[in-house]
């Protein structure tokens, strides 16, 4: 009988202890450290999602570069936003027209990767069945027109610099081209394949010497190889963004090369002749060899679209003219751009 009473008493004590422990570990809200693993699940899941998001963007860029790449890991890169794809005849339309009407340029579209900075331009790119990548920039709206030298223009140019440095880090060589450039001929025959040359860049006013550091560079068109020297150059370039004293990123890079930074890093740069890689600031005088035409010295997209349309009309007139008349061809005036300031 006593045995049964003791057994019942022990069982009651064990039940009370169990209930007490259950209350402490499950229902007591003041404990800082949860006992059960599932109580920590939400926090770990949130962190995991953030890491997966970063990895997703990295993997997406790698896939986009790989699809557009040539056999030697070279791609053609251009950036677009809503302002470049909105309207009846857009800047992007003109840019693509250049590839269609140019000499030896149609096949290059297979290696063009358009980097969209907003959803509208991404959707337009996909609609055209081109290689597309969405560049995410948290807290910044790059969708509208960014007037030349405006604060938003400066921000967009520095964001571009950071992104292009990331492409180099992934081991890809690239030609970067602004959208306001007409590719009238395949540029590769005019670009050296010499492995010792790291950077080939357009100029606003070519001085006649392709190795002279006194040339004024234009970052609207250049070809660059991926290596430790160029990766370091882009890192140093981007690091200057907060000490640029209102200079645009192109002027900062120009100042760096004139200060001997290229030489210090061992970066060998070739400056492209404006006879072949021309712009409105310095026109090519020879229709027979001109490769690209850049809408430089122009402020608004509206003006650039107007005058680049005229450039394409001039190009078609040249192509449809008898051979003995081509030497007399001249570019039409860039009236809209002259009045855009």
Protein backbone atom coordinates (compact mmCIF):
# COMPACT_ATOMS: atom_id res chain seq x y z
CA UNK A 1 0.00 0.00 0.00
CA UNK A 2 2.84 2.38 0.94
CA UNK A 3 4.57 1.42 -2.26
CA UNK A 4 1.55 2.52 -4.31
CA UNK A 5 1.34 5.82 -2.42
CA UNK A 6 5.05 6.51 -2.98
CA UNK A 7 4.76 5.62 -6.63
CA UNK A 8 1.79 7.98 -7.08
CA UNK A 9 3.64 10.75 -5.25
CA UNK A 10 6.75 10.31 -7.41
CA UNK A 11 4.67 10.36 -10.58
CA UNK A 12 2.94 13.57 -9.47
CA UNK A 13 6.31 15.22 -8.76
CA UNK A 14 7.66 14.20 -12.17
CA UNK A 15 4.56 15.62 -13.87
CA UNK A 16 4.96 18.91 -12.04
CA UNK A 17 8.64 19.10 -13.00
CA UNK A 18 7.82 18.40 -16.64
CA UNK A 19 5.10 21.06 -16.72
CA UNK A 20 7.47 23.52 -15.08
CA UNK A 21 10.19 22.90 -17.64
CA UNK A 22 7.68 23.10 -20.48
CA UNK A 23 6.51 26.50 -19.22
CA UNK A 24 10.05 27.83 -18.87
CA UNK A 25 11.26 26.79 -22.30
CA UNK A 26 8.15 27.31 -24.41
CA UNK A 27 5.81 29.87 -22.87
CA UNK A 28 8.19 32.20 -20.99
CA UNK A 29 8.67 35.21 -23.34
CA UNK A 30 11.50 36.82 -21.40
CA UNK A 31 14.14 34.31 -22.37
CA UNK A 32 16.66 35.77 -24.84
CA UNK A 33 17.76 32.49 -26.29
CA UNK A 34 15.15 30.09 -27.64
CA UNK A 35 15.36 26.43 -26.77
CA UNK A 36 13.78 24.92 -29.84
CA UNK A 37 15.59 25.24 -33.18
CA UNK A 38 12.43 26.16 -35.11
CA UNK A 39 12.13 29.38 -33.04
CA UNK A 40 15.24 30.69 -34.88
CA UNK A 41 14.08 29.66 -38.32
CA UNK A 42 12.64 33.01 -39.43
CA UNK A 43 15.84 34.95 -38.70
CA UNK A 44 18.08 32.46 -40.46
CA UNK A 45 15.70 32.29 -43.40
CA UNK A 46 15.78 36.09 -43.84
CA UNK A 47 19.59 36.19 -43.84
CA UNK A 48 19.71 33.27 -46.22
CA UNK A 49 17.35 35.04 -48.62
CA UNK A 50 19.58 38.16 -48.64
CA UNK A 51 22.63 36.06 -49.47
CA UNK A 52 20.71 34.17 -52.14
CA UNK A 53 19.59 37.50 -53.66
CA UNK A 54 23.19 38.70 -53.98
CA UNK A 55 24.27 35.39 -55.45
CA UNK A 56 21.32 35.52 -57.85
CA UNK A 57 22.39 38.89 -59.31
CA UNK A 58 25.98 37.66 -59.63
CA UNK A 59 24.91 34.46 -61.35
CA UNK A 60 22.51 36.34 -63.61
CA UNK A 61 25.29 38.68 -64.77
CA UNK A 62 27.59 35.74 -65.40
CA UNK A 63 24.92 34.01 -67.49
CA UNK A 64 24.22 37.18 -69.49
CA UNK A 65 27.92 37.77 -70.20
CA UNK A 66 28.46 34.14 -71.15
CA UNK A 67 25.57 34.15 -73.65
CA UNK A 68 26.80 37.31 -75.39
CA UNK A 69 30.50 36.48 -75.26
CA UNK A 70 32.76 35.76 -78.20
CA UNK A 71 35.11 32.79 -78.02
CA UNK A 72 37.82 34.90 -76.35
CA UNK A 73 35.45 36.19 -73.64
CA UNK A 74 34.90 39.56 -75.32
CA UNK A 75 31.49 41.25 -75.22
CA UNK A 76 30.02 44.53 -76.47
CA UNK A 77 28.32 46.47 -73.68
CA UNK A 78 25.89 49.39 -73.80
CA UNK A 79 23.63 50.88 -71.13
CA UNK A 80 20.02 51.93 -71.64
CA UNK A 81 17.26 53.53 -69.59
CA UNK A 82 13.63 54.47 -70.17
CA UNK A 83 14.58 57.75 -71.86
CA UNK A 84 16.49 55.80 -74.54
CA UNK A 85 13.59 53.47 -75.40
CA UNK A 86 10.52 55.74 -75.18
CA UNK A 87 9.02 57.47 -78.21
CA UNK A 88 8.23 56.93 -81.88
CA UNK A 89 11.86 56.77 -82.99
CA UNK A 90 14.12 56.20 -80.03
CA UNK A 91 17.83 56.39 -79.40
CA UNK A 92 17.94 52.61 -79.10
CA UNK A 93 16.16 52.26 -82.46
CA UNK A 94 18.79 54.45 -84.13
CA UNK A 95 21.62 52.58 -82.45
CA UNK A 96 20.30 49.27 -83.78
CA UNK A 97 19.69 50.81 -87.23
CA UNK A 98 23.42 51.51 -87.36
CA UNK A 99 24.18 47.80 -86.93
CA UNK A 100 21.63 46.94 -89.63
CA UNK A 101 22.88 49.50 -92.16
CA UNK A 102 26.58 49.32 -91.34
CA UNK A 103 29.24 47.29 -93.10
CA UNK A 104 30.02 43.99 -91.39
CA UNK A 105 28.10 44.96 -88.26
CA UNK A 106 24.93 42.83 -88.24
CA UNK A 107 26.62 39.76 -86.78
CA UNK A 108 28.02 41.83 -83.92
CA UNK A 109 24.53 42.09 -82.42
CA UNK A 110 24.97 38.48 -81.28
CA UNK A 111 27.65 39.76 -78.91
CA UNK A 112 25.89 42.92 -77.72
CA UNK A 113 24.68 42.92 -74.12
CA UNK A 114 22.30 45.76 -73.24
CA UNK A 115 22.48 46.74 -69.58
CA UNK A 116 19.10 48.13 -68.54
CA UNK A 117 18.90 50.38 -65.47
CA UNK A 118 15.09 50.28 -65.16
CA UNK A 119 12.22 47.92 -65.86
CA UNK A 120 10.92 49.71 -68.97
CA UNK A 121 14.23 49.51 -70.80
CA UNK A 122 14.65 45.87 -69.74
CA UNK A 123 11.23 44.98 -71.16
CA UNK A 124 12.02 46.79 -74.42
CA UNK A 125 15.31 44.92 -74.70
CA UNK A 126 13.59 41.57 -74.17
CA UNK A 127 10.90 42.49 -76.70
CA UNK A 128 13.65 42.99 -79.29
CA UNK A 129 15.11 39.54 -78.41
CA UNK A 130 18.52 40.96 -77.56
CA UNK A 131 20.90 39.95 -74.80
CA UNK A 132 19.70 41.85 -71.72
CA UNK A 133 20.75 42.38 -68.11
CA UNK A 134 18.99 44.40 -65.40
CA UNK A 135 21.39 46.53 -63.33
CA UNK A 136 19.90 47.05 -59.88
CA UNK A 137 20.74 50.27 -58.03
CA UNK A 138 18.92 50.51 -54.72
CA UNK A 139 17.34 53.86 -53.89
CA UNK A 140 18.22 55.56 -57.21
CA UNK A 141 15.96 56.23 -60.20
CA UNK A 142 17.89 56.23 -63.47
CA UNK A 143 14.83 55.94 -65.72
CA UNK A 144 14.42 59.54 -66.96
CA UNK A 145 16.65 61.61 -69.21
CA UNK A 146 19.81 62.68 -67.42
CA UNK A 147 20.90 65.97 -68.91
CA UNK A 148 24.60 66.24 -69.67
CA UNK A 149 26.60 67.32 -66.58
CA UNK A 150 23.55 67.27 -64.29
CA UNK A 151 23.90 65.68 -60.83
CA UNK A 152 21.91 62.61 -61.87
CA UNK A 153 24.02 62.32 -65.02
CA UNK A 154 27.17 62.24 -62.86
CA UNK A 155 25.69 59.57 -60.58
CA UNK A 156 24.72 57.40 -63.54
CA UNK A 157 28.21 57.66 -65.05
CA UNK A 158 29.87 56.62 -61.79
CA UNK A 159 27.43 53.71 -61.40
CA UNK A 160 28.40 52.67 -64.90
CA UNK A 161 32.08 52.78 -63.97
CA UNK A 162 31.49 50.54 -60.94
CA UNK A 163 29.54 48.03 -63.03
CA UNK A 164 32.15 47.86 -65.78
CA UNK A 165 34.82 47.22 -63.18
CA UNK A 166 32.76 44.24 -61.99
CA UNK A 167 32.70 42.89 -65.56
CA UNK A 168 36.50 43.08 -65.70
CA UNK A 169 36.72 41.20 -62.39
CA UNK A 170 34.69 38.39 -63.95
CA UNK A 171 37.41 37.95 -66.58
CA UNK A 172 35.59 39.46 -69.56
CA UNK A 173 37.16 41.82 -72.08
CA UNK A 174 34.72 44.28 -73.57
CA UNK A 175 33.99 47.10 -75.94
CA UNK A 176 31.92 49.69 -74.18
CA UNK A 177 29.80 51.89 -76.42
CA UNK A 178 27.40 54.71 -75.69
CA UNK A 179 23.97 54.34 -77.26
CA UNK A 180 24.39 57.65 -79.12
CA UNK A 181 27.03 56.12 -81.41
CA UNK A 182 26.39 54.90 -84.93
CA UNK A 183 28.39 51.78 -85.80
CA UNK A 184 28.81 52.27 -89.55
CA UNK A 185 31.56 49.66 -89.92
CA UNK A 186 32.88 46.73 -87.93
CA UNK A 187 35.45 48.33 -85.58
CA UNK A 188 37.55 45.23 -84.94
CA UNK A 189 39.76 45.64 -88.04
CA UNK A 190 40.71 49.09 -86.64
CA UNK A 191 41.46 47.73 -83.16
CA UNK A 192 44.83 46.10 -82.57
CA UNK A 193 44.95 42.52 -81.35
CA UNK A 194 48.40 43.11 -79.83
CA UNK A 195 48.22 41.46 -76.41
CA UNK A 196 50.45 44.13 -74.87
CA UNK A 197 47.76 46.80 -75.38
CA UNK A 198 45.34 46.93 -72.46
CA UNK A 199 43.08 49.83 -73.42
CA UNK A 200 42.03 51.36 -76.76
CA UNK A 201 39.93 54.46 -76.28
CA UNK A 202 38.30 57.11 -78.45
CA UNK A 203 39.37 60.74 -78.38
CA UNK A 204 37.60 64.08 -78.68
CA UNK A 205 40.54 65.68 -80.49
CA UNK A 206 43.12 63.23 -81.81
CA UNK A 207 46.59 64.81 -81.96
CA UNK A 208 48.03 62.45 -84.57
CA UNK A 209 49.95 60.17 -82.18
CA UNK A 210 48.07 57.07 -81.03
CA UNK A 211 50.39 56.61 -78.03
CA UNK A 212 50.43 60.23 -76.84
CA UNK A 213 49.03 60.89 -73.36
CA UNK A 214 48.15 64.43 -74.40
CA UNK A 215 45.15 63.11 -76.36
CA UNK A 216 41.82 64.00 -74.73
CA UNK A 217 40.00 60.72 -74.14
CA UNK A 218 36.30 60.02 -74.56
CA UNK A 219 34.84 57.15 -72.50
CA UNK A 220 31.89 56.75 -74.88
CA UNK A 221 33.77 54.12 -76.86
CA UNK A 222 36.67 51.95 -75.77
CA UNK A 223 37.95 48.40 -75.78
CA UNK A 224 39.62 47.03 -72.65
CA UNK A 225 41.20 43.73 -71.66
CA UNK A 226 40.55 42.07 -68.33
CA UNK A 227 43.73 41.74 -66.28
CA UNK A 228 45.08 42.78 -62.90
CA UNK A 229 46.26 46.14 -64.26
CA UNK A 230 42.91 47.20 -65.72
CA UNK A 231 40.98 45.90 -62.70
CA UNK A 232 43.19 48.01 -60.45
CA UNK A 233 42.77 51.01 -62.76
CA UNK A 234 38.98 50.82 -62.55
CA UNK A 235 39.15 50.46 -58.79
CA UNK A 236 41.29 53.59 -58.48
CA UNK A 237 39.08 55.42 -60.96
CA UNK A 238 35.87 54.67 -59.07
CA UNK A 239 37.54 55.56 -55.75
CA UNK A 240 37.93 59.14 -57.05
CA UNK A 241 34.17 59.72 -57.33
CA UNK A 242 33.89 61.58 -54.01
CA UNK A 243 36.98 63.71 -54.68
CA UNK A 244 36.20 64.68 -58.26
CA UNK A 245 35.26 68.30 -57.48
CA UNK A 246 32.34 68.26 -59.88
CA UNK A 247 34.28 66.65 -62.75
CA UNK A 248 32.53 63.96 -64.77
CA UNK A 249 34.03 60.50 -64.67
CA UNK A 250 35.59 60.92 -68.13
CA UNK A 251 37.55 63.99 -67.01
CA UNK A 252 38.72 62.16 -63.89
CA UNK A 253 40.13 59.29 -65.98
CA UNK A 254 41.70 61.77 -68.40
CA UNK A 255 43.38 63.49 -65.46
CA UNK A 256 44.61 60.17 -64.10
CA UNK A 257 46.31 59.23 -67.37
CA UNK A 258 47.91 62.67 -67.68
CA UNK A 259 49.18 62.32 -64.10
CA UNK A 260 50.96 59.11 -65.06
CA UNK A 261 48.61 56.64 -63.34
CA UNK A 262 48.41 54.49 -66.48
CA UNK A 263 52.20 54.28 -66.61
CA UNK A 264 52.50 53.56 -62.89
CA UNK A 265 50.09 50.63 -63.22
CA UNK A 266 51.69 49.39 -66.43
CA UNK A 267 48.50 49.98 -68.42
CA UNK A 268 49.36 50.40 -72.10
CA UNK A 269 46.77 52.64 -73.76
CA UNK A 270 46.21 53.32 -77.45
CA UNK A 271 44.27 56.45 -78.41
CA UNK A 272 41.96 56.00 -81.38
CA UNK A 273 42.18 58.20 -84.45
CA UNK A 274 39.06 60.35 -84.97
CA UNK A 275 39.39 59.70 -88.70
CA UNK A 276 37.92 56.26 -87.92
CA UNK A 277 36.24 56.78 -84.53
CA UNK A 278 34.67 60.17 -84.99
CA UNK A 279 32.18 62.44 -83.28
CA UNK A 280 30.32 65.67 -83.77
CA UNK A 281 33.13 67.48 -81.94
CA UNK A 282 35.68 66.17 -84.44
CA UNK A 283 34.18 64.74 -87.63
CA UNK A 284 35.87 62.22 -89.84
CA UNK A 285 36.67 63.69 -93.22
CA UNK A 286 36.62 60.36 -95.02
CA UNK A 287 33.37 58.46 -95.57
CA UNK A 288 35.38 55.54 -96.97
CA UNK A 289 37.00 54.67 -93.66
CA UNK A 290 34.82 56.15 -90.91
CA UNK A 291 33.84 53.42 -88.44
CA UNK A 292 31.76 55.08 -85.71
CA UNK A 293 30.05 58.46 -85.31
CA UNK A 294 29.40 59.69 -81.77
CA UNK A 295 26.89 62.45 -80.98
CA UNK A 296 29.37 64.43 -78.91
CA UNK A 297 29.06 68.18 -78.27
CA UNK A 298 25.32 67.65 -77.86
CA UNK A 299 23.20 68.05 -74.74
CA UNK A 300 19.76 66.46 -75.12
CA UNK A 301 18.45 63.12 -76.33
CA UNK A 302 15.96 64.88 -78.61
CA UNK A 303 18.79 66.72 -80.38
CA UNK A 304 20.93 63.60 -80.65
CA UNK A 305 18.09 61.58 -82.19
CA UNK A 306 17.49 64.33 -84.75
CA UNK A 307 21.11 64.69 -85.81
CA UNK A 308 21.98 60.98 -85.72
CA UNK A 309 19.01 60.40 -88.02
CA UNK A 310 20.67 62.83 -90.42
CA UNK A 311 23.95 60.89 -90.03
CA UNK A 312 22.20 57.69 -91.15
CA UNK A 313 20.66 59.53 -94.11
CA UNK A 314 24.14 60.79 -95.08
CA UNK A 315 25.49 57.26 -94.76
CA UNK A 316 22.79 55.85 -97.03
CA UNK A 317 23.42 58.57 -99.61
CA UNK A 318 27.10 57.65 -99.54
CA UNK A 319 26.45 53.93 -99.93
CA UNK A 320 24.06 54.49 -102.85
CA UNK A 321 26.36 56.87 -104.73
CA UNK A 322 28.63 55.98 -107.64
CA UNK A 323 32.19 55.16 -106.53
CA UNK A 324 33.72 58.18 -108.30
CA UNK A 325 31.49 60.58 -106.37
CA UNK A 326 32.15 59.35 -102.83
CA UNK A 327 35.28 61.46 -102.35
CA UNK A 328 33.20 64.65 -102.47
CA UNK A 329 30.81 63.62 -99.68
CA UNK A 330 30.46 65.79 -96.57
CA UNK A 331 28.42 65.42 -93.40
CA UNK A 332 25.31 67.50 -93.02
CA UNK A 333 25.29 70.14 -90.26
CA UNK A 334 24.39 68.99 -86.75
CA UNK A 335 21.85 71.75 -86.34
CA UNK A 336 19.79 70.26 -83.51
CA UNK A 337 22.85 69.63 -81.37
CA UNK A 338 24.25 73.08 -81.99
CA UNK A 339 20.99 74.54 -80.63
CA UNK A 340 20.79 72.14 -77.65
CA UNK A 341 23.01 74.24 -75.38
